[in-house]
N, C-alpha and C. Protein backbone atom coordinates (compact mmCIF):
# COMPACT_ATOMS: atom_id res chain seq x y z
N MET A 1 -23.90 -16.53 2.92
CA MET A 1 -23.11 -15.63 3.75
C MET A 1 -22.00 -15.00 2.91
N PHE A 2 -21.53 -13.84 3.37
CA PHE A 2 -20.55 -13.07 2.62
C PHE A 2 -19.48 -12.54 3.58
N ASP A 3 -18.31 -12.27 3.04
CA ASP A 3 -17.23 -11.65 3.83
C ASP A 3 -16.45 -10.73 2.91
N LEU A 4 -16.56 -9.43 3.15
CA LEU A 4 -15.94 -8.46 2.25
C LEU A 4 -14.72 -7.78 2.87
N HIS A 5 -14.03 -8.49 3.77
CA HIS A 5 -12.78 -7.98 4.35
C HIS A 5 -11.87 -9.16 4.67
N THR A 6 -11.00 -9.51 3.71
CA THR A 6 -10.08 -10.63 3.89
C THR A 6 -8.71 -10.25 3.34
N HIS A 7 -7.69 -10.98 3.81
CA HIS A 7 -6.31 -10.68 3.40
C HIS A 7 -5.59 -11.93 2.92
N SER A 8 -4.84 -11.77 1.84
CA SER A 8 -4.03 -12.85 1.29
C SER A 8 -2.55 -12.52 1.53
N LEU A 9 -1.66 -13.37 1.00
CA LEU A 9 -0.24 -13.10 1.17
C LEU A 9 0.26 -11.97 0.28
N LEU A 10 -0.66 -11.35 -0.49
CA LEU A 10 -0.29 -10.14 -1.20
C LEU A 10 -0.07 -8.97 -0.23
N SER A 11 -0.56 -9.13 1.02
CA SER A 11 -0.17 -8.18 2.08
C SER A 11 0.28 -9.01 3.28
N ASP A 12 -0.49 -9.02 4.37
CA ASP A 12 -0.03 -9.72 5.57
C ASP A 12 -0.81 -10.99 5.88
N GLY A 13 -1.58 -11.51 4.91
CA GLY A 13 -2.26 -12.77 5.11
C GLY A 13 -1.31 -13.94 4.84
N GLU A 14 -1.77 -15.14 5.19
CA GLU A 14 -0.94 -16.34 5.05
C GLU A 14 -1.24 -17.14 3.80
N LEU A 15 -2.37 -16.87 3.12
CA LEU A 15 -2.84 -17.74 2.05
C LEU A 15 -2.77 -17.07 0.68
N LEU A 16 -2.50 -17.88 -0.33
CA LEU A 16 -2.68 -17.41 -1.71
C LEU A 16 -4.14 -17.02 -1.92
N PRO A 17 -4.42 -16.10 -2.83
CA PRO A 17 -5.82 -15.80 -3.13
C PRO A 17 -6.65 -17.03 -3.47
N SER A 18 -6.09 -17.96 -4.22
CA SER A 18 -6.84 -19.17 -4.58
C SER A 18 -7.21 -19.99 -3.36
N GLU A 19 -6.26 -20.14 -2.43
CA GLU A 19 -6.56 -20.93 -1.24
C GLU A 19 -7.54 -20.19 -0.33
N LEU A 20 -7.38 -18.89 -0.25
CA LEU A 20 -8.32 -18.09 0.55
C LEU A 20 -9.74 -18.27 0.03
N ALA A 21 -9.91 -18.14 -1.29
CA ALA A 21 -11.23 -18.30 -1.89
C ALA A 21 -11.76 -19.71 -1.66
N ARG A 22 -10.93 -20.71 -1.85
CA ARG A 22 -11.38 -22.09 -1.69
C ARG A 22 -11.79 -22.39 -0.26
N ARG A 23 -11.07 -21.88 0.71
CA ARG A 23 -11.40 -22.16 2.11
C ARG A 23 -12.73 -21.51 2.50
N PHE A 24 -12.99 -20.30 2.01
CA PHE A 24 -14.30 -19.69 2.25
C PHE A 24 -15.39 -20.46 1.52
N GLU A 25 -15.11 -20.87 0.30
CA GLU A 25 -16.07 -21.64 -0.48
C GLU A 25 -16.43 -22.93 0.25
N ASP A 26 -15.42 -23.59 0.81
CA ASP A 26 -15.64 -24.85 1.52
C ASP A 26 -16.50 -24.66 2.77
N LYS A 27 -16.45 -23.46 3.35
CA LYS A 27 -17.27 -23.17 4.54
C LYS A 27 -18.71 -22.80 4.18
N GLY A 28 -18.99 -22.64 2.90
CA GLY A 28 -20.35 -22.35 2.48
C GLY A 28 -20.62 -20.90 2.13
N TYR A 29 -19.60 -20.06 2.06
CA TYR A 29 -19.80 -18.66 1.71
C TYR A 29 -20.12 -18.52 0.22
N LYS A 30 -20.90 -17.50 -0.11
CA LYS A 30 -21.30 -17.26 -1.49
C LYS A 30 -20.40 -16.24 -2.19
N ALA A 31 -19.82 -15.33 -1.41
CA ALA A 31 -18.96 -14.30 -2.00
C ALA A 31 -18.00 -13.75 -0.96
N ILE A 32 -16.80 -13.39 -1.42
CA ILE A 32 -15.83 -12.69 -0.57
C ILE A 32 -15.21 -11.57 -1.38
N ALA A 33 -14.56 -10.66 -0.68
CA ALA A 33 -13.69 -9.69 -1.32
C ALA A 33 -12.29 -9.87 -0.74
N ILE A 34 -11.30 -9.86 -1.60
CA ILE A 34 -9.91 -9.87 -1.15
C ILE A 34 -9.48 -8.42 -1.06
N THR A 35 -9.17 -7.98 0.16
CA THR A 35 -8.95 -6.55 0.43
C THR A 35 -7.60 -6.37 1.13
N ASP A 36 -6.54 -6.62 0.40
CA ASP A 36 -5.22 -6.53 1.02
C ASP A 36 -4.84 -5.09 1.36
N HIS A 37 -3.99 -4.98 2.39
CA HIS A 37 -3.53 -3.67 2.86
C HIS A 37 -2.70 -2.97 1.79
N VAL A 38 -2.99 -1.69 1.58
CA VAL A 38 -2.18 -0.90 0.64
C VAL A 38 -1.92 0.50 1.18
N ASP A 39 -0.80 1.04 0.71
CA ASP A 39 -0.50 2.47 0.82
C ASP A 39 0.26 2.84 -0.44
N VAL A 40 0.95 3.99 -0.46
CA VAL A 40 1.63 4.39 -1.70
C VAL A 40 2.77 3.45 -2.07
N SER A 41 3.30 2.71 -1.10
CA SER A 41 4.46 1.87 -1.36
C SER A 41 4.15 0.63 -2.17
N ASN A 42 2.91 0.11 -2.08
CA ASN A 42 2.63 -1.18 -2.72
C ASN A 42 1.37 -1.22 -3.57
N ILE A 43 0.61 -0.13 -3.65
CA ILE A 43 -0.67 -0.19 -4.33
C ILE A 43 -0.53 -0.57 -5.80
N LYS A 44 0.57 -0.16 -6.46
CA LYS A 44 0.74 -0.46 -7.88
C LYS A 44 1.16 -1.91 -8.12
N MET A 45 1.55 -2.62 -7.07
CA MET A 45 1.83 -4.05 -7.17
C MET A 45 0.60 -4.88 -6.81
N VAL A 46 -0.08 -4.47 -5.74
CA VAL A 46 -1.17 -5.27 -5.20
C VAL A 46 -2.43 -5.17 -6.06
N VAL A 47 -2.80 -3.98 -6.47
CA VAL A 47 -4.05 -3.81 -7.21
C VAL A 47 -4.09 -4.63 -8.50
N PRO A 48 -3.07 -4.56 -9.38
CA PRO A 48 -3.14 -5.37 -10.59
C PRO A 48 -3.21 -6.86 -10.32
N ALA A 49 -2.52 -7.31 -9.26
CA ALA A 49 -2.52 -8.74 -8.93
C ALA A 49 -3.91 -9.20 -8.49
N ILE A 50 -4.56 -8.42 -7.64
CA ILE A 50 -5.89 -8.80 -7.17
C ILE A 50 -6.90 -8.73 -8.31
N VAL A 51 -6.84 -7.69 -9.10
CA VAL A 51 -7.79 -7.53 -10.20
C VAL A 51 -7.64 -8.67 -11.21
N GLU A 52 -6.41 -9.02 -11.55
CA GLU A 52 -6.19 -10.11 -12.49
C GLU A 52 -6.71 -11.44 -11.93
N PHE A 53 -6.42 -11.68 -10.65
CA PHE A 53 -6.89 -12.92 -10.04
C PHE A 53 -8.41 -13.02 -10.10
N CYS A 54 -9.08 -11.94 -9.73
CA CYS A 54 -10.55 -11.98 -9.71
C CYS A 54 -11.14 -12.14 -11.10
N LYS A 55 -10.51 -11.55 -12.10
CA LYS A 55 -11.00 -11.69 -13.47
C LYS A 55 -10.88 -13.14 -13.95
N LYS A 56 -9.85 -13.84 -13.51
CA LYS A 56 -9.60 -15.20 -13.99
C LYS A 56 -10.20 -16.28 -13.10
N TRP A 57 -10.77 -15.88 -11.96
CA TRP A 57 -11.40 -16.87 -11.08
C TRP A 57 -12.65 -17.42 -11.75
N PRO A 58 -12.88 -18.74 -11.68
CA PRO A 58 -14.05 -19.34 -12.37
C PRO A 58 -15.37 -18.70 -11.94
N LYS A 59 -16.21 -18.43 -12.91
CA LYS A 59 -17.48 -17.74 -12.64
C LYS A 59 -18.53 -18.63 -12.00
N ASN A 60 -18.33 -19.95 -12.06
CA ASN A 60 -19.32 -20.87 -11.48
C ASN A 60 -18.97 -21.30 -10.05
N ARG A 61 -18.03 -20.61 -9.47
CA ARG A 61 -17.60 -20.92 -8.09
C ARG A 61 -17.98 -19.75 -7.18
N ILE A 62 -17.46 -19.73 -5.95
CA ILE A 62 -17.68 -18.60 -5.05
C ILE A 62 -17.30 -17.31 -5.77
N LYS A 63 -18.10 -16.28 -5.58
CA LYS A 63 -17.81 -14.98 -6.20
C LYS A 63 -16.68 -14.31 -5.43
N VAL A 64 -15.66 -13.84 -6.15
CA VAL A 64 -14.51 -13.18 -5.52
C VAL A 64 -14.37 -11.78 -6.11
N LEU A 65 -14.47 -10.78 -5.25
CA LEU A 65 -14.41 -9.38 -5.67
C LEU A 65 -13.05 -8.77 -5.34
N ALA A 66 -12.59 -7.92 -6.22
CA ALA A 66 -11.30 -7.25 -6.02
C ALA A 66 -11.47 -6.07 -5.09
N GLY A 67 -10.65 -6.05 -4.04
CA GLY A 67 -10.72 -4.94 -3.08
C GLY A 67 -9.36 -4.57 -2.54
N ILE A 68 -9.33 -3.53 -1.75
CA ILE A 68 -8.13 -3.11 -1.03
C ILE A 68 -8.57 -2.55 0.32
N GLU A 69 -7.63 -2.51 1.26
CA GLU A 69 -7.84 -1.82 2.52
C GLU A 69 -6.78 -0.73 2.67
N LEU A 70 -7.22 0.51 2.66
CA LEU A 70 -6.32 1.65 2.86
C LEU A 70 -5.96 1.70 4.34
N THR A 71 -4.67 1.53 4.64
CA THR A 71 -4.25 1.24 6.02
C THR A 71 -3.20 2.22 6.52
N HIS A 72 -3.55 2.95 7.58
CA HIS A 72 -2.61 3.87 8.22
C HIS A 72 -2.00 4.88 7.24
N ILE A 73 -2.78 5.32 6.28
CA ILE A 73 -2.22 6.23 5.28
C ILE A 73 -2.40 7.69 5.71
N PRO A 74 -1.51 8.57 5.29
CA PRO A 74 -1.70 9.99 5.54
C PRO A 74 -3.01 10.47 4.90
N PHE A 75 -3.63 11.44 5.52
CA PHE A 75 -4.93 11.90 5.06
C PHE A 75 -4.92 12.34 3.59
N GLU A 76 -3.84 13.01 3.18
CA GLU A 76 -3.80 13.54 1.81
C GLU A 76 -3.67 12.43 0.76
N HIS A 77 -3.43 11.19 1.20
CA HIS A 77 -3.30 10.10 0.25
C HIS A 77 -4.62 9.41 -0.07
N PHE A 78 -5.67 9.67 0.72
CA PHE A 78 -6.93 8.96 0.51
C PHE A 78 -7.47 9.16 -0.91
N ALA A 79 -7.70 10.37 -1.31
CA ALA A 79 -8.34 10.63 -2.60
C ALA A 79 -7.54 10.08 -3.77
N PRO A 80 -6.22 10.36 -3.87
CA PRO A 80 -5.49 9.84 -5.03
C PRO A 80 -5.40 8.32 -5.07
N LEU A 81 -5.27 7.66 -3.92
CA LEU A 81 -5.19 6.20 -3.91
C LEU A 81 -6.54 5.58 -4.28
N ILE A 82 -7.63 6.17 -3.79
CA ILE A 82 -8.96 5.68 -4.16
C ILE A 82 -9.19 5.85 -5.65
N ASN A 83 -8.84 7.01 -6.19
CA ASN A 83 -9.03 7.25 -7.62
C ASN A 83 -8.24 6.25 -8.45
N TYR A 84 -7.00 5.98 -8.06
CA TYR A 84 -6.16 5.02 -8.77
C TYR A 84 -6.80 3.64 -8.74
N ALA A 85 -7.21 3.20 -7.54
CA ALA A 85 -7.77 1.86 -7.37
C ALA A 85 -9.05 1.68 -8.19
N ARG A 86 -9.94 2.65 -8.16
CA ARG A 86 -11.18 2.56 -8.94
C ARG A 86 -10.89 2.45 -10.43
N LYS A 87 -9.97 3.27 -10.92
CA LYS A 87 -9.65 3.26 -12.35
C LYS A 87 -9.05 1.93 -12.79
N LYS A 88 -8.36 1.26 -11.88
CA LYS A 88 -7.69 0.00 -12.21
C LYS A 88 -8.58 -1.22 -11.99
N GLY A 89 -9.82 -1.02 -11.56
CA GLY A 89 -10.75 -2.13 -11.47
C GLY A 89 -11.09 -2.64 -10.09
N ILE A 90 -10.67 -1.94 -9.06
CA ILE A 90 -11.01 -2.34 -7.69
C ILE A 90 -12.48 -2.04 -7.43
N LYS A 91 -13.20 -3.04 -6.90
CA LYS A 91 -14.63 -2.90 -6.63
C LYS A 91 -14.92 -2.43 -5.20
N ILE A 92 -14.22 -3.01 -4.23
CA ILE A 92 -14.50 -2.77 -2.82
C ILE A 92 -13.35 -2.01 -2.18
N ILE A 93 -13.62 -0.83 -1.65
CA ILE A 93 -12.59 -0.08 -0.94
C ILE A 93 -12.95 -0.01 0.54
N VAL A 94 -12.07 -0.60 1.31
CA VAL A 94 -12.20 -0.61 2.77
C VAL A 94 -11.22 0.40 3.35
N ALA A 95 -11.67 1.17 4.31
CA ALA A 95 -10.77 2.06 5.05
C ALA A 95 -10.51 1.46 6.43
N HIS A 96 -9.26 1.42 6.81
CA HIS A 96 -8.84 0.90 8.11
C HIS A 96 -9.22 1.93 9.17
N GLY A 97 -10.27 1.62 9.93
CA GLY A 97 -10.80 2.58 10.89
C GLY A 97 -10.00 2.65 12.18
N GLN A 98 -10.53 3.44 13.10
CA GLN A 98 -9.81 3.77 14.34
C GLN A 98 -9.98 2.70 15.42
N THR A 99 -9.58 1.46 15.09
CA THR A 99 -9.57 0.40 16.08
C THR A 99 -8.76 0.82 17.30
N ILE A 100 -9.19 0.36 18.48
CA ILE A 100 -8.46 0.71 19.69
C ILE A 100 -7.23 -0.17 19.89
N SER A 101 -7.03 -1.16 19.03
CA SER A 101 -5.89 -2.05 19.18
C SER A 101 -4.66 -1.62 18.39
N GLU A 102 -4.77 -0.51 17.65
CA GLU A 102 -3.65 0.01 16.87
C GLU A 102 -3.62 1.53 16.98
N PRO A 103 -2.44 2.13 16.77
CA PRO A 103 -2.31 3.59 16.90
C PRO A 103 -2.75 4.34 15.64
N VAL A 104 -4.03 4.19 15.30
CA VAL A 104 -4.57 4.87 14.11
C VAL A 104 -4.69 6.36 14.41
N ILE A 105 -4.33 7.19 13.45
CA ILE A 105 -4.36 8.64 13.65
C ILE A 105 -5.78 9.11 13.92
N SER A 106 -5.93 9.94 14.95
CA SER A 106 -7.23 10.52 15.27
C SER A 106 -7.76 11.31 14.07
N GLY A 107 -9.02 11.13 13.79
CA GLY A 107 -9.63 11.80 12.65
C GLY A 107 -9.73 10.93 11.41
N THR A 108 -9.14 9.73 11.47
CA THR A 108 -9.16 8.84 10.30
C THR A 108 -10.58 8.43 9.92
N ASN A 109 -11.41 8.10 10.91
CA ASN A 109 -12.79 7.70 10.60
C ASN A 109 -13.50 8.77 9.79
N ALA A 110 -13.45 10.00 10.29
CA ALA A 110 -14.16 11.10 9.63
C ALA A 110 -13.62 11.35 8.23
N LEU A 111 -12.30 11.37 8.11
CA LEU A 111 -11.68 11.63 6.81
C LEU A 111 -12.06 10.55 5.81
N ALA A 112 -11.99 9.29 6.26
CA ALA A 112 -12.33 8.18 5.37
C ALA A 112 -13.78 8.28 4.89
N LEU A 113 -14.68 8.62 5.81
CA LEU A 113 -16.10 8.70 5.47
C LEU A 113 -16.41 9.83 4.50
N HIS A 114 -15.55 10.81 4.42
CA HIS A 114 -15.74 11.90 3.46
C HIS A 114 -15.21 11.54 2.07
N ASN A 115 -14.61 10.35 1.95
CA ASN A 115 -14.08 9.91 0.68
C ASN A 115 -14.92 8.78 0.11
N ASP A 116 -14.56 8.32 -1.09
CA ASP A 116 -15.34 7.32 -1.83
C ASP A 116 -14.95 5.91 -1.39
N ILE A 117 -15.34 5.55 -0.15
CA ILE A 117 -15.09 4.20 0.36
C ILE A 117 -16.42 3.44 0.43
N ASP A 118 -16.31 2.13 0.59
CA ASP A 118 -17.50 1.29 0.71
C ASP A 118 -17.72 0.80 2.14
N ILE A 119 -16.62 0.55 2.85
CA ILE A 119 -16.69 -0.03 4.20
C ILE A 119 -15.70 0.69 5.10
N LEU A 120 -16.16 1.07 6.29
CA LEU A 120 -15.25 1.56 7.33
C LEU A 120 -15.04 0.39 8.30
N ALA A 121 -13.84 -0.17 8.25
CA ALA A 121 -13.54 -1.36 9.05
C ALA A 121 -13.26 -0.99 10.50
N HIS A 122 -13.62 -1.91 11.38
CA HIS A 122 -13.35 -1.81 12.83
C HIS A 122 -13.17 -0.34 13.27
N PRO A 123 -14.27 0.42 13.31
CA PRO A 123 -14.18 1.86 13.53
C PRO A 123 -14.01 2.30 14.98
N GLY A 124 -13.79 1.34 15.90
CA GLY A 124 -13.51 1.71 17.28
C GLY A 124 -14.63 2.50 17.91
N TYR A 125 -14.26 3.53 18.67
CA TYR A 125 -15.27 4.37 19.32
C TYR A 125 -15.72 5.49 18.38
N ILE A 126 -16.30 5.09 17.28
CA ILE A 126 -16.81 6.03 16.29
C ILE A 126 -17.85 6.93 16.94
N THR A 127 -17.92 8.17 16.49
CA THR A 127 -18.86 9.13 17.07
C THR A 127 -20.22 9.04 16.39
N LYS A 128 -21.23 9.59 17.05
CA LYS A 128 -22.57 9.61 16.46
C LYS A 128 -22.58 10.41 15.17
N GLU A 129 -21.86 11.52 15.14
CA GLU A 129 -21.81 12.34 13.93
C GLU A 129 -21.21 11.56 12.76
N GLU A 130 -20.20 10.75 13.05
CA GLU A 130 -19.58 9.94 12.00
C GLU A 130 -20.52 8.84 11.52
N VAL A 131 -21.27 8.26 12.44
CA VAL A 131 -22.24 7.23 12.05
C VAL A 131 -23.33 7.83 11.18
N LEU A 132 -23.78 9.02 11.52
CA LEU A 132 -24.78 9.70 10.68
C LEU A 132 -24.22 10.01 9.30
N LEU A 133 -22.94 10.34 9.22
CA LEU A 133 -22.31 10.58 7.93
C LEU A 133 -22.25 9.28 7.12
N ALA A 134 -21.91 8.17 7.79
CA ALA A 134 -21.90 6.87 7.11
C ALA A 134 -23.28 6.55 6.55
N LYS A 135 -24.31 6.82 7.34
CA LYS A 135 -25.68 6.58 6.86
C LYS A 135 -25.97 7.44 5.63
N GLN A 136 -25.64 8.72 5.71
CA GLN A 136 -25.90 9.65 4.61
C GLN A 136 -25.21 9.20 3.33
N LYS A 137 -23.99 8.66 3.46
CA LYS A 137 -23.20 8.28 2.28
C LYS A 137 -23.36 6.80 1.92
N ASN A 138 -24.22 6.09 2.67
CA ASN A 138 -24.50 4.68 2.38
C ASN A 138 -23.23 3.82 2.49
N ILE A 139 -22.41 4.13 3.47
CA ILE A 139 -21.17 3.39 3.73
C ILE A 139 -21.42 2.39 4.85
N PHE A 140 -20.96 1.16 4.66
CA PHE A 140 -21.12 0.13 5.67
C PHE A 140 -20.17 0.36 6.84
N LEU A 141 -20.68 0.14 8.05
CA LEU A 141 -19.85 0.10 9.25
C LEU A 141 -19.65 -1.35 9.64
N GLU A 142 -18.43 -1.70 9.94
CA GLU A 142 -18.09 -3.11 10.13
C GLU A 142 -18.27 -3.59 11.57
N ILE A 143 -18.94 -4.72 11.69
CA ILE A 143 -18.88 -5.55 12.89
C ILE A 143 -17.86 -6.63 12.59
N THR A 144 -16.79 -6.67 13.35
CA THR A 144 -15.67 -7.55 13.02
C THR A 144 -15.61 -8.75 13.94
N PHE A 145 -15.21 -9.88 13.36
CA PHE A 145 -15.00 -11.09 14.15
C PHE A 145 -13.54 -11.26 14.54
N ARG A 146 -12.69 -10.32 14.18
CA ARG A 146 -11.27 -10.40 14.54
C ARG A 146 -11.10 -9.93 15.98
N SER A 147 -10.54 -10.79 16.80
CA SER A 147 -10.53 -10.54 18.25
C SER A 147 -9.84 -9.25 18.63
N SER A 148 -8.77 -8.90 17.93
CA SER A 148 -8.03 -7.69 18.30
C SER A 148 -8.80 -6.41 18.03
N HIS A 149 -9.82 -6.48 17.19
CA HIS A 149 -10.60 -5.29 16.84
C HIS A 149 -12.03 -5.31 17.37
N SER A 150 -12.46 -6.42 17.93
CA SER A 150 -13.89 -6.63 18.20
C SER A 150 -14.39 -6.04 19.52
N LEU A 151 -13.48 -5.47 20.32
CA LEU A 151 -13.88 -5.00 21.65
C LEU A 151 -14.88 -3.85 21.60
N THR A 152 -14.94 -3.15 20.49
CA THR A 152 -15.88 -2.02 20.37
C THR A 152 -17.09 -2.36 19.50
N ASN A 153 -17.31 -3.63 19.22
CA ASN A 153 -18.47 -4.02 18.40
C ASN A 153 -19.79 -3.55 19.02
N GLN A 154 -19.92 -3.66 20.33
CA GLN A 154 -21.16 -3.25 20.99
C GLN A 154 -21.42 -1.76 20.78
N HIS A 155 -20.38 -0.97 20.87
CA HIS A 155 -20.50 0.48 20.66
C HIS A 155 -20.95 0.77 19.23
N VAL A 156 -20.31 0.13 18.26
CA VAL A 156 -20.66 0.34 16.85
C VAL A 156 -22.10 -0.10 16.59
N LEU A 157 -22.48 -1.24 17.15
CA LEU A 157 -23.83 -1.77 16.96
C LEU A 157 -24.88 -0.82 17.52
N LYS A 158 -24.65 -0.31 18.73
CA LYS A 158 -25.63 0.58 19.37
C LYS A 158 -25.83 1.85 18.54
N LEU A 159 -24.75 2.49 18.13
CA LEU A 159 -24.89 3.73 17.37
C LEU A 159 -25.51 3.48 16.00
N ALA A 160 -25.14 2.38 15.37
CA ALA A 160 -25.72 2.06 14.07
C ALA A 160 -27.22 1.84 14.19
N ARG A 161 -27.64 1.14 15.25
CA ARG A 161 -29.08 0.95 15.50
C ARG A 161 -29.76 2.29 15.72
N ASP A 162 -29.17 3.13 16.56
CA ASP A 162 -29.78 4.42 16.90
C ASP A 162 -29.92 5.32 15.67
N CYS A 163 -28.94 5.24 14.78
CA CYS A 163 -28.90 6.17 13.65
C CYS A 163 -29.43 5.57 12.35
N GLY A 164 -29.61 4.25 12.32
CA GLY A 164 -30.08 3.61 11.10
C GLY A 164 -29.02 3.42 10.05
N ALA A 165 -27.75 3.34 10.48
CA ALA A 165 -26.66 3.13 9.53
C ALA A 165 -26.53 1.65 9.16
N LYS A 166 -25.98 1.38 7.99
CA LYS A 166 -25.81 0.01 7.53
C LYS A 166 -24.62 -0.66 8.20
N LEU A 167 -24.80 -1.91 8.58
CA LEU A 167 -23.74 -2.72 9.15
C LEU A 167 -23.34 -3.81 8.17
N ILE A 168 -22.10 -4.31 8.36
CA ILE A 168 -21.63 -5.45 7.59
C ILE A 168 -20.84 -6.35 8.52
N LEU A 169 -20.92 -7.65 8.30
CA LEU A 169 -20.25 -8.65 9.13
C LEU A 169 -19.03 -9.17 8.37
N ASN A 170 -17.83 -8.99 8.95
CA ASN A 170 -16.60 -9.39 8.27
C ASN A 170 -15.64 -10.06 9.25
N SER A 171 -14.80 -10.92 8.69
CA SER A 171 -13.83 -11.64 9.52
C SER A 171 -12.50 -10.91 9.66
N ASP A 172 -12.14 -10.07 8.66
CA ASP A 172 -10.79 -9.50 8.62
C ASP A 172 -9.78 -10.64 8.69
N SER A 173 -10.03 -11.69 7.93
CA SER A 173 -9.21 -12.90 8.04
C SER A 173 -7.80 -12.69 7.49
N HIS A 174 -6.84 -13.26 8.22
CA HIS A 174 -5.45 -13.25 7.80
C HIS A 174 -4.88 -14.67 7.70
N GLU A 175 -5.52 -15.62 8.36
CA GLU A 175 -5.04 -16.99 8.38
C GLU A 175 -6.22 -17.95 8.41
N CYS A 176 -5.94 -19.24 8.26
CA CYS A 176 -7.00 -20.25 8.17
C CYS A 176 -7.96 -20.18 9.35
N GLU A 177 -7.40 -20.00 10.55
CA GLU A 177 -8.21 -20.04 11.77
C GLU A 177 -9.21 -18.89 11.84
N ASP A 178 -9.01 -17.85 11.04
CA ASP A 178 -9.92 -16.70 11.05
C ASP A 178 -11.18 -16.95 10.23
N ILE A 179 -11.19 -17.98 9.42
CA ILE A 179 -12.32 -18.25 8.53
C ILE A 179 -13.36 -19.07 9.29
N LEU A 180 -14.41 -18.41 9.73
CA LEU A 180 -15.41 -19.05 10.57
C LEU A 180 -16.38 -19.89 9.75
N SER A 181 -16.83 -20.97 10.36
CA SER A 181 -17.95 -21.71 9.77
C SER A 181 -19.20 -20.84 9.88
N LEU A 182 -20.22 -21.19 9.14
CA LEU A 182 -21.45 -20.41 9.20
C LEU A 182 -22.10 -20.51 10.58
N ASP A 183 -21.97 -21.66 11.23
CA ASP A 183 -22.50 -21.82 12.59
C ASP A 183 -21.73 -20.95 13.58
N GLN A 184 -20.41 -20.92 13.46
CA GLN A 184 -19.61 -20.07 14.34
C GLN A 184 -19.95 -18.60 14.14
N ARG A 185 -20.11 -18.23 12.92
CA ARG A 185 -20.45 -16.83 12.59
C ARG A 185 -21.80 -16.45 13.19
N SER A 186 -22.80 -17.32 13.02
CA SER A 186 -24.13 -17.06 13.58
C SER A 186 -24.08 -16.98 15.09
N SER A 187 -23.32 -17.89 15.71
CA SER A 187 -23.20 -17.89 17.16
C SER A 187 -22.58 -16.60 17.67
N ASN A 188 -21.55 -16.12 16.99
CA ASN A 188 -20.91 -14.86 17.39
C ASN A 188 -21.87 -13.68 17.27
N CYS A 189 -22.68 -13.69 16.23
CA CYS A 189 -23.66 -12.61 16.04
C CYS A 189 -24.68 -12.60 17.17
N LEU A 190 -25.17 -13.77 17.53
CA LEU A 190 -26.17 -13.87 18.60
C LEU A 190 -25.57 -13.47 19.95
N LYS A 191 -24.32 -13.86 20.20
CA LYS A 191 -23.65 -13.48 21.44
C LYS A 191 -23.48 -11.97 21.54
N LEU A 192 -23.27 -11.34 20.39
CA LEU A 192 -23.13 -9.89 20.36
C LEU A 192 -24.44 -9.19 20.68
N GLY A 193 -25.55 -9.90 20.46
CA GLY A 193 -26.85 -9.32 20.73
C GLY A 193 -27.65 -8.98 19.49
N LEU A 194 -27.16 -9.41 18.35
CA LEU A 194 -27.91 -9.20 17.12
C LEU A 194 -29.09 -10.15 17.07
N ALA A 195 -30.26 -9.62 16.77
CA ALA A 195 -31.44 -10.47 16.60
C ALA A 195 -31.38 -11.14 15.23
N ILE A 196 -32.10 -12.23 15.09
CA ILE A 196 -32.08 -12.98 13.83
C ILE A 196 -32.53 -12.11 12.67
N ASP A 197 -33.56 -11.28 12.90
CA ASP A 197 -34.03 -10.42 11.81
C ASP A 197 -32.99 -9.36 11.45
N GLU A 198 -32.19 -8.92 12.44
CA GLU A 198 -31.13 -7.96 12.15
C GLU A 198 -30.03 -8.62 11.31
N ILE A 199 -29.68 -9.84 11.64
CA ILE A 199 -28.67 -10.57 10.87
C ILE A 199 -29.14 -10.74 9.43
N ARG A 200 -30.40 -11.09 9.26
CA ARG A 200 -30.94 -11.26 7.91
C ARG A 200 -30.90 -9.95 7.13
N LYS A 201 -31.21 -8.84 7.82
CA LYS A 201 -31.18 -7.53 7.15
C LYS A 201 -29.75 -7.17 6.73
N ILE A 202 -28.79 -7.44 7.58
CA ILE A 202 -27.39 -7.16 7.25
C ILE A 202 -26.98 -7.97 6.03
N GLU A 203 -27.31 -9.26 6.03
CA GLU A 203 -26.95 -10.12 4.91
C GLU A 203 -27.67 -9.69 3.64
N GLN A 204 -28.92 -9.26 3.76
CA GLN A 204 -29.67 -8.80 2.59
C GLN A 204 -29.03 -7.54 2.00
N ASP A 205 -28.67 -6.59 2.88
CA ASP A 205 -28.02 -5.36 2.41
C ASP A 205 -26.70 -5.67 1.71
N THR A 206 -25.94 -6.62 2.28
CA THR A 206 -24.66 -7.00 1.68
C THR A 206 -24.88 -7.66 0.33
N ALA A 207 -25.87 -8.55 0.25
CA ALA A 207 -26.18 -9.23 -1.01
C ALA A 207 -26.57 -8.23 -2.09
N GLU A 208 -27.37 -7.24 -1.73
CA GLU A 208 -27.78 -6.23 -2.70
C GLU A 208 -26.59 -5.42 -3.19
N PHE A 209 -25.69 -5.12 -2.28
CA PHE A 209 -24.47 -4.39 -2.66
C PHE A 209 -23.63 -5.22 -3.64
N ILE A 210 -23.42 -6.50 -3.32
CA ILE A 210 -22.63 -7.38 -4.18
C ILE A 210 -23.27 -7.51 -5.56
N SER A 211 -24.60 -7.52 -5.60
CA SER A 211 -25.30 -7.70 -6.87
C SER A 211 -25.09 -6.55 -7.84
N THR A 212 -24.58 -5.42 -7.35
CA THR A 212 -24.32 -4.28 -8.24
C THR A 212 -23.08 -4.49 -9.09
N PHE A 213 -22.28 -5.51 -8.74
CA PHE A 213 -21.05 -5.77 -9.49
C PHE A 213 -21.29 -6.90 -10.47
N LYS A 214 -21.18 -6.60 -11.74
CA LYS A 214 -21.41 -7.60 -12.78
C LYS A 214 -20.12 -8.37 -13.03
N ASP A 215 -20.26 -9.63 -13.44
CA ASP A 215 -19.10 -10.46 -13.77
C ASP A 215 -18.41 -9.94 -15.02
């Protein structure tokens, strides 16, 4: 199992990157991405810290990928922040989508999908046109296990199925209690209505994506 949307105390999480990685490792996960929240105020502090941590993490343990989550940023900041992060070694770029639990600016989903991101997190009531764009650009749409963002999972799942867009399963973890066991994760997927073969396909797609990043 994999989780490519997690937060450490480098932004608003409670755990050091080392403890975050170890707790996921202990639950049986094979790989995670640490994707702390960034905007122009902190990206030059957070990115080097995450990249250095991931470079020095033991290679024979859980795989830890360097990521960021672009959060509530002005539209004109997307391209320059993404370019900076990529050049500095960030592998996974998550865009904070239009969750219904926060006042995200209208149009954020579409703008993010037109940029070089990997995952659109908790995209709320994403439109069919946006889902088709995600499919075209091979961008993952997130099914989230975070309660404050999960109310629109059914909507995201239906449109992704209809359009053939890629899904990804993430915790958006901020604290210990957010790190699900593999049984809890599977149970949540089945309750959502995902079939076992769909879960396997999502995990396979995620594994193939992770395999593109060399140690």
